[in-house]
Amino acid sequence: MTFWTKVMEGRNGIDTINMALLFMVLLFNLITKLVYAPALAVVSLFVLTLALYRTFSKRLEARRREDAWFSGILRKVSAAFGKAK
């Protein structure tokens, strides 16, 4: 068993919400580099911390419920954009 396998045992890992949070971090960091926005850098750090907390959380049922809720919202939004075409 490798180190990371042992660390991630009993954890959910990266899910749809975490990918969205990491995308937000990248977007916030890009905006921070383009314009001087130190407050946005702090928000980006908070969002990154939240994503890491969710990744290493052992509350599997709560994370799965949250992910199912978020995935449902994403399906509705993508369906709405699909109908707009």
N, C-alpha and C. Protein backbone atom coordinates (compact mmCIF):
# COMPACT_ATOMS: atom_id res chain seq x y z
N MET A 1 0.84 -1.18 0.00
CA MET A 1 0.00 0.00 0.00
C MET A 1 0.89 1.24 0.00
N THR A 2 0.63 2.15 -0.92
CA THR A 2 1.45 3.35 -1.01
C THR A 2 1.02 4.37 0.04
N PHE A 3 1.83 5.38 0.21
CA PHE A 3 1.55 6.42 1.20
C PHE A 3 0.22 7.09 0.93
N TRP A 4 0.00 7.53 -0.32
CA TRP A 4 -1.24 8.25 -0.64
C TRP A 4 -2.46 7.36 -0.57
N THR A 5 -2.29 6.08 -0.84
CA THR A 5 -3.42 5.15 -0.69
C THR A 5 -3.83 5.08 0.76
N LYS A 6 -2.86 5.04 1.65
CA LYS A 6 -3.17 5.01 3.09
C LYS A 6 -3.80 6.32 3.55
N VAL A 7 -3.27 7.43 3.05
CA VAL A 7 -3.81 8.74 3.46
C VAL A 7 -5.25 8.90 2.99
N MET A 8 -5.56 8.47 1.78
CA MET A 8 -6.89 8.68 1.21
C MET A 8 -7.89 7.58 1.56
N GLU A 9 -7.48 6.59 2.30
CA GLU A 9 -8.38 5.51 2.68
C GLU A 9 -9.53 6.06 3.53
N GLY A 10 -10.76 5.75 3.14
CA GLY A 10 -11.93 6.22 3.86
C GLY A 10 -12.32 7.65 3.55
N ARG A 11 -11.74 8.20 2.48
CA ARG A 11 -12.05 9.57 2.08
C ARG A 11 -12.62 9.57 0.67
N ASN A 12 -13.35 10.60 0.34
CA ASN A 12 -14.01 10.68 -0.96
C ASN A 12 -13.07 11.15 -2.06
N GLY A 13 -12.11 11.98 -1.74
CA GLY A 13 -11.21 12.51 -2.75
C GLY A 13 -11.83 13.69 -3.47
N ILE A 14 -11.42 13.89 -4.72
CA ILE A 14 -11.90 15.03 -5.50
C ILE A 14 -13.21 14.65 -6.18
N ASP A 15 -14.22 15.50 -6.03
CA ASP A 15 -15.51 15.28 -6.67
C ASP A 15 -15.86 16.51 -7.50
N THR A 16 -17.09 16.58 -7.95
CA THR A 16 -17.52 17.66 -8.84
C THR A 16 -17.42 19.03 -8.18
N ILE A 17 -17.80 19.11 -6.91
CA ILE A 17 -17.72 20.41 -6.22
C ILE A 17 -16.27 20.84 -6.08
N ASN A 18 -15.39 19.91 -5.74
CA ASN A 18 -13.98 20.26 -5.60
C ASN A 18 -13.39 20.74 -6.92
N MET A 19 -13.78 20.11 -8.02
CA MET A 19 -13.28 20.57 -9.33
C MET A 19 -13.77 21.98 -9.61
N ALA A 20 -15.03 22.28 -9.26
CA ALA A 20 -15.56 23.63 -9.44
C ALA A 20 -14.82 24.63 -8.54
N LEU A 21 -14.55 24.22 -7.29
CA LEU A 21 -13.82 25.10 -6.38
C LEU A 21 -12.41 25.37 -6.89
N LEU A 22 -11.74 24.35 -7.40
CA LEU A 22 -10.38 24.54 -7.93
C LEU A 22 -10.40 25.41 -9.18
N PHE A 23 -11.44 25.28 -10.00
CA PHE A 23 -11.58 26.17 -11.16
C PHE A 23 -11.74 27.61 -10.69
N MET A 24 -12.53 27.82 -9.63
CA MET A 24 -12.70 29.16 -9.07
C MET A 24 -11.37 29.72 -8.57
N VAL A 25 -10.58 28.88 -7.92
CA VAL A 25 -9.27 29.32 -7.42
C VAL A 25 -8.40 29.78 -8.60
N LEU A 26 -8.38 28.98 -9.67
CA LEU A 26 -7.58 29.37 -10.84
C LEU A 26 -8.08 30.68 -11.44
N LEU A 27 -9.40 30.82 -11.54
CA LEU A 27 -9.98 32.05 -12.08
C LEU A 27 -9.65 33.25 -11.20
N PHE A 28 -9.81 33.10 -9.89
CA PHE A 28 -9.50 34.19 -8.96
C PHE A 28 -8.02 34.57 -9.04
N ASN A 29 -7.14 33.56 -9.13
CA ASN A 29 -5.71 33.85 -9.22
C ASN A 29 -5.37 34.57 -10.52
N LEU A 30 -6.02 34.19 -11.60
CA LEU A 30 -5.79 34.87 -12.87
C LEU A 30 -6.22 36.33 -12.79
N ILE A 31 -7.39 36.57 -12.22
CA ILE A 31 -7.89 37.94 -12.07
C ILE A 31 -6.95 38.74 -11.17
N THR A 32 -6.46 38.10 -10.09
CA THR A 32 -5.55 38.78 -9.17
C THR A 32 -4.26 39.17 -9.87
N LYS A 33 -3.80 38.34 -10.81
CA LYS A 33 -2.58 38.67 -11.55
C LYS A 33 -2.81 39.80 -12.55
N LEU A 34 -4.02 39.87 -13.11
CA LEU A 34 -4.30 40.90 -14.11
C LEU A 34 -4.58 42.26 -13.50
N VAL A 35 -5.28 42.28 -12.38
CA VAL A 35 -5.57 43.54 -11.68
C VAL A 35 -5.16 43.38 -10.22
N TYR A 36 -4.83 44.49 -9.61
CA TYR A 36 -4.43 44.45 -8.20
C TYR A 36 -5.67 44.22 -7.34
N ALA A 37 -5.80 42.99 -6.80
CA ALA A 37 -6.97 42.65 -5.99
C ALA A 37 -6.55 41.74 -4.84
N PRO A 38 -5.93 42.31 -3.80
CA PRO A 38 -5.46 41.47 -2.70
C PRO A 38 -6.60 40.77 -1.95
N ALA A 39 -7.77 41.39 -1.90
CA ALA A 39 -8.90 40.75 -1.22
C ALA A 39 -9.32 39.49 -1.97
N LEU A 40 -9.26 39.53 -3.29
CA LEU A 40 -9.60 38.35 -4.09
C LEU A 40 -8.58 37.24 -3.88
N ALA A 41 -7.33 37.59 -3.64
CA ALA A 41 -6.31 36.58 -3.34
C ALA A 41 -6.63 35.88 -2.02
N VAL A 42 -7.12 36.63 -1.06
CA VAL A 42 -7.51 36.04 0.23
C VAL A 42 -8.71 35.11 0.05
N VAL A 43 -9.68 35.53 -0.74
CA VAL A 43 -10.84 34.69 -1.03
C VAL A 43 -10.39 33.42 -1.73
N SER A 44 -9.46 33.54 -2.66
CA SER A 44 -8.93 32.40 -3.38
C SER A 44 -8.27 31.40 -2.42
N LEU A 45 -7.53 31.91 -1.47
CA LEU A 45 -6.89 31.05 -0.47
C LEU A 45 -7.93 30.34 0.39
N PHE A 46 -8.99 31.05 0.75
CA PHE A 46 -10.08 30.44 1.53
C PHE A 46 -10.75 29.32 0.73
N VAL A 47 -11.03 29.57 -0.55
CA VAL A 47 -11.68 28.57 -1.39
C VAL A 47 -10.77 27.35 -1.55
N LEU A 48 -9.48 27.56 -1.71
CA LEU A 48 -8.53 26.46 -1.81
C LEU A 48 -8.51 25.64 -0.53
N THR A 49 -8.55 26.31 0.61
CA THR A 49 -8.59 25.62 1.90
C THR A 49 -9.86 24.79 2.02
N LEU A 50 -10.97 25.34 1.58
CA LEU A 50 -12.23 24.60 1.60
C LEU A 50 -12.16 23.36 0.71
N ALA A 51 -11.58 23.49 -0.48
CA ALA A 51 -11.44 22.35 -1.38
C ALA A 51 -10.57 21.27 -0.76
N LEU A 52 -9.48 21.66 -0.12
CA LEU A 52 -8.61 20.68 0.53
C LEU A 52 -9.31 20.00 1.70
N TYR A 53 -10.08 20.77 2.46
CA TYR A 53 -10.84 20.19 3.57
C TYR A 53 -11.82 19.14 3.05
N ARG A 54 -12.54 19.49 1.97
CA ARG A 54 -13.51 18.55 1.41
C ARG A 54 -12.81 17.30 0.87
N THR A 55 -11.62 17.47 0.27
CA THR A 55 -10.89 16.34 -0.29
C THR A 55 -10.49 15.35 0.79
N PHE A 56 -10.03 15.84 1.93
CA PHE A 56 -9.53 14.96 2.98
C PHE A 56 -10.56 14.63 4.05
N SER A 57 -11.79 15.09 3.87
CA SER A 57 -12.85 14.83 4.84
C SER A 57 -13.23 13.35 4.85
N LYS A 58 -13.51 12.83 6.02
CA LYS A 58 -13.96 11.44 6.15
C LYS A 58 -15.47 11.34 6.29
N ARG A 59 -16.18 12.45 6.18
CA ARG A 59 -17.65 12.44 6.27
C ARG A 59 -18.20 12.11 4.88
N LEU A 60 -18.09 10.85 4.50
CA LEU A 60 -18.42 10.42 3.14
C LEU A 60 -19.86 10.69 2.76
N GLU A 61 -20.79 10.37 3.63
CA GLU A 61 -22.21 10.56 3.29
C GLU A 61 -22.54 12.02 3.06
N ALA A 62 -22.02 12.89 3.91
CA ALA A 62 -22.28 14.33 3.75
C ALA A 62 -21.68 14.83 2.44
N ARG A 63 -20.46 14.41 2.12
CA ARG A 63 -19.82 14.84 0.86
C ARG A 63 -20.59 14.31 -0.34
N ARG A 64 -21.08 13.08 -0.27
CA ARG A 64 -21.82 12.51 -1.40
C ARG A 64 -23.16 13.20 -1.60
N ARG A 65 -23.82 13.55 -0.49
CA ARG A 65 -25.08 14.30 -0.61
C ARG A 65 -24.85 15.67 -1.24
N GLU A 66 -23.80 16.36 -0.78
CA GLU A 66 -23.47 17.66 -1.34
C GLU A 66 -23.15 17.55 -2.83
N ASP A 67 -22.40 16.52 -3.20
CA ASP A 67 -22.02 16.34 -4.60
C ASP A 67 -23.23 16.01 -5.45
N ALA A 68 -24.15 15.19 -4.93
CA ALA A 68 -25.37 14.87 -5.68
C ALA A 68 -26.21 16.13 -5.88
N TRP A 69 -26.32 16.96 -4.86
CA TRP A 69 -27.06 18.22 -4.96
C TRP A 69 -26.44 19.13 -6.02
N PHE A 70 -25.11 19.28 -5.96
CA PHE A 70 -24.40 20.14 -6.90
C PHE A 70 -24.49 19.60 -8.32
N SER A 71 -24.38 18.30 -8.48
CA SER A 71 -24.49 17.69 -9.80
C SER A 71 -25.88 17.92 -10.39
N GLY A 72 -26.91 17.86 -9.54
CA GLY A 72 -28.27 18.15 -10.01
C GLY A 72 -28.40 19.57 -10.52
N ILE A 73 -27.80 20.50 -9.80
CA ILE A 73 -27.83 21.91 -10.23
C ILE A 73 -27.09 22.07 -11.56
N LEU A 74 -25.93 21.42 -11.69
CA LEU A 74 -25.18 21.51 -12.94
C LEU A 74 -25.97 20.95 -14.11
N ARG A 75 -26.69 19.85 -13.89
CA ARG A 75 -27.51 19.27 -14.95
C ARG A 75 -28.61 20.24 -15.38
N LYS A 76 -29.25 20.89 -14.42
CA LYS A 76 -30.30 21.85 -14.73
C LYS A 76 -29.74 23.05 -15.51
N VAL A 77 -28.59 23.55 -15.08
CA VAL A 77 -27.98 24.69 -15.75
C VAL A 77 -27.56 24.31 -17.16
N SER A 78 -26.93 23.16 -17.32
CA SER A 78 -26.50 22.76 -18.66
C SER A 78 -27.70 22.47 -19.55
N ALA A 79 -28.78 21.94 -18.99
CA ALA A 79 -30.00 21.72 -19.78
C ALA A 79 -30.59 23.05 -20.21
N ALA A 80 -30.57 24.05 -19.33
CA ALA A 80 -31.09 25.36 -19.68
C ALA A 80 -30.26 26.00 -20.81
N PHE A 81 -28.93 25.83 -20.75
CA PHE A 81 -28.11 26.38 -21.82
C PHE A 81 -28.31 25.59 -23.11
N GLY A 82 -28.58 24.30 -22.99
CA GLY A 82 -28.83 23.48 -24.17
C GLY A 82 -30.11 23.88 -24.87
N LYS A 83 -31.11 24.29 -24.10
CA LYS A 83 -32.39 24.72 -24.68
C LYS A 83 -32.28 26.10 -25.29
N ALA A 84 -31.34 26.89 -24.83
CA ALA A 84 -31.20 28.27 -25.31
C ALA A 84 -30.66 28.31 -26.74
N LYS A 85 -30.05 27.25 -27.19
CA LYS A 85 -29.45 27.24 -28.53
C LYS A 85 -30.46 27.23 -29.57
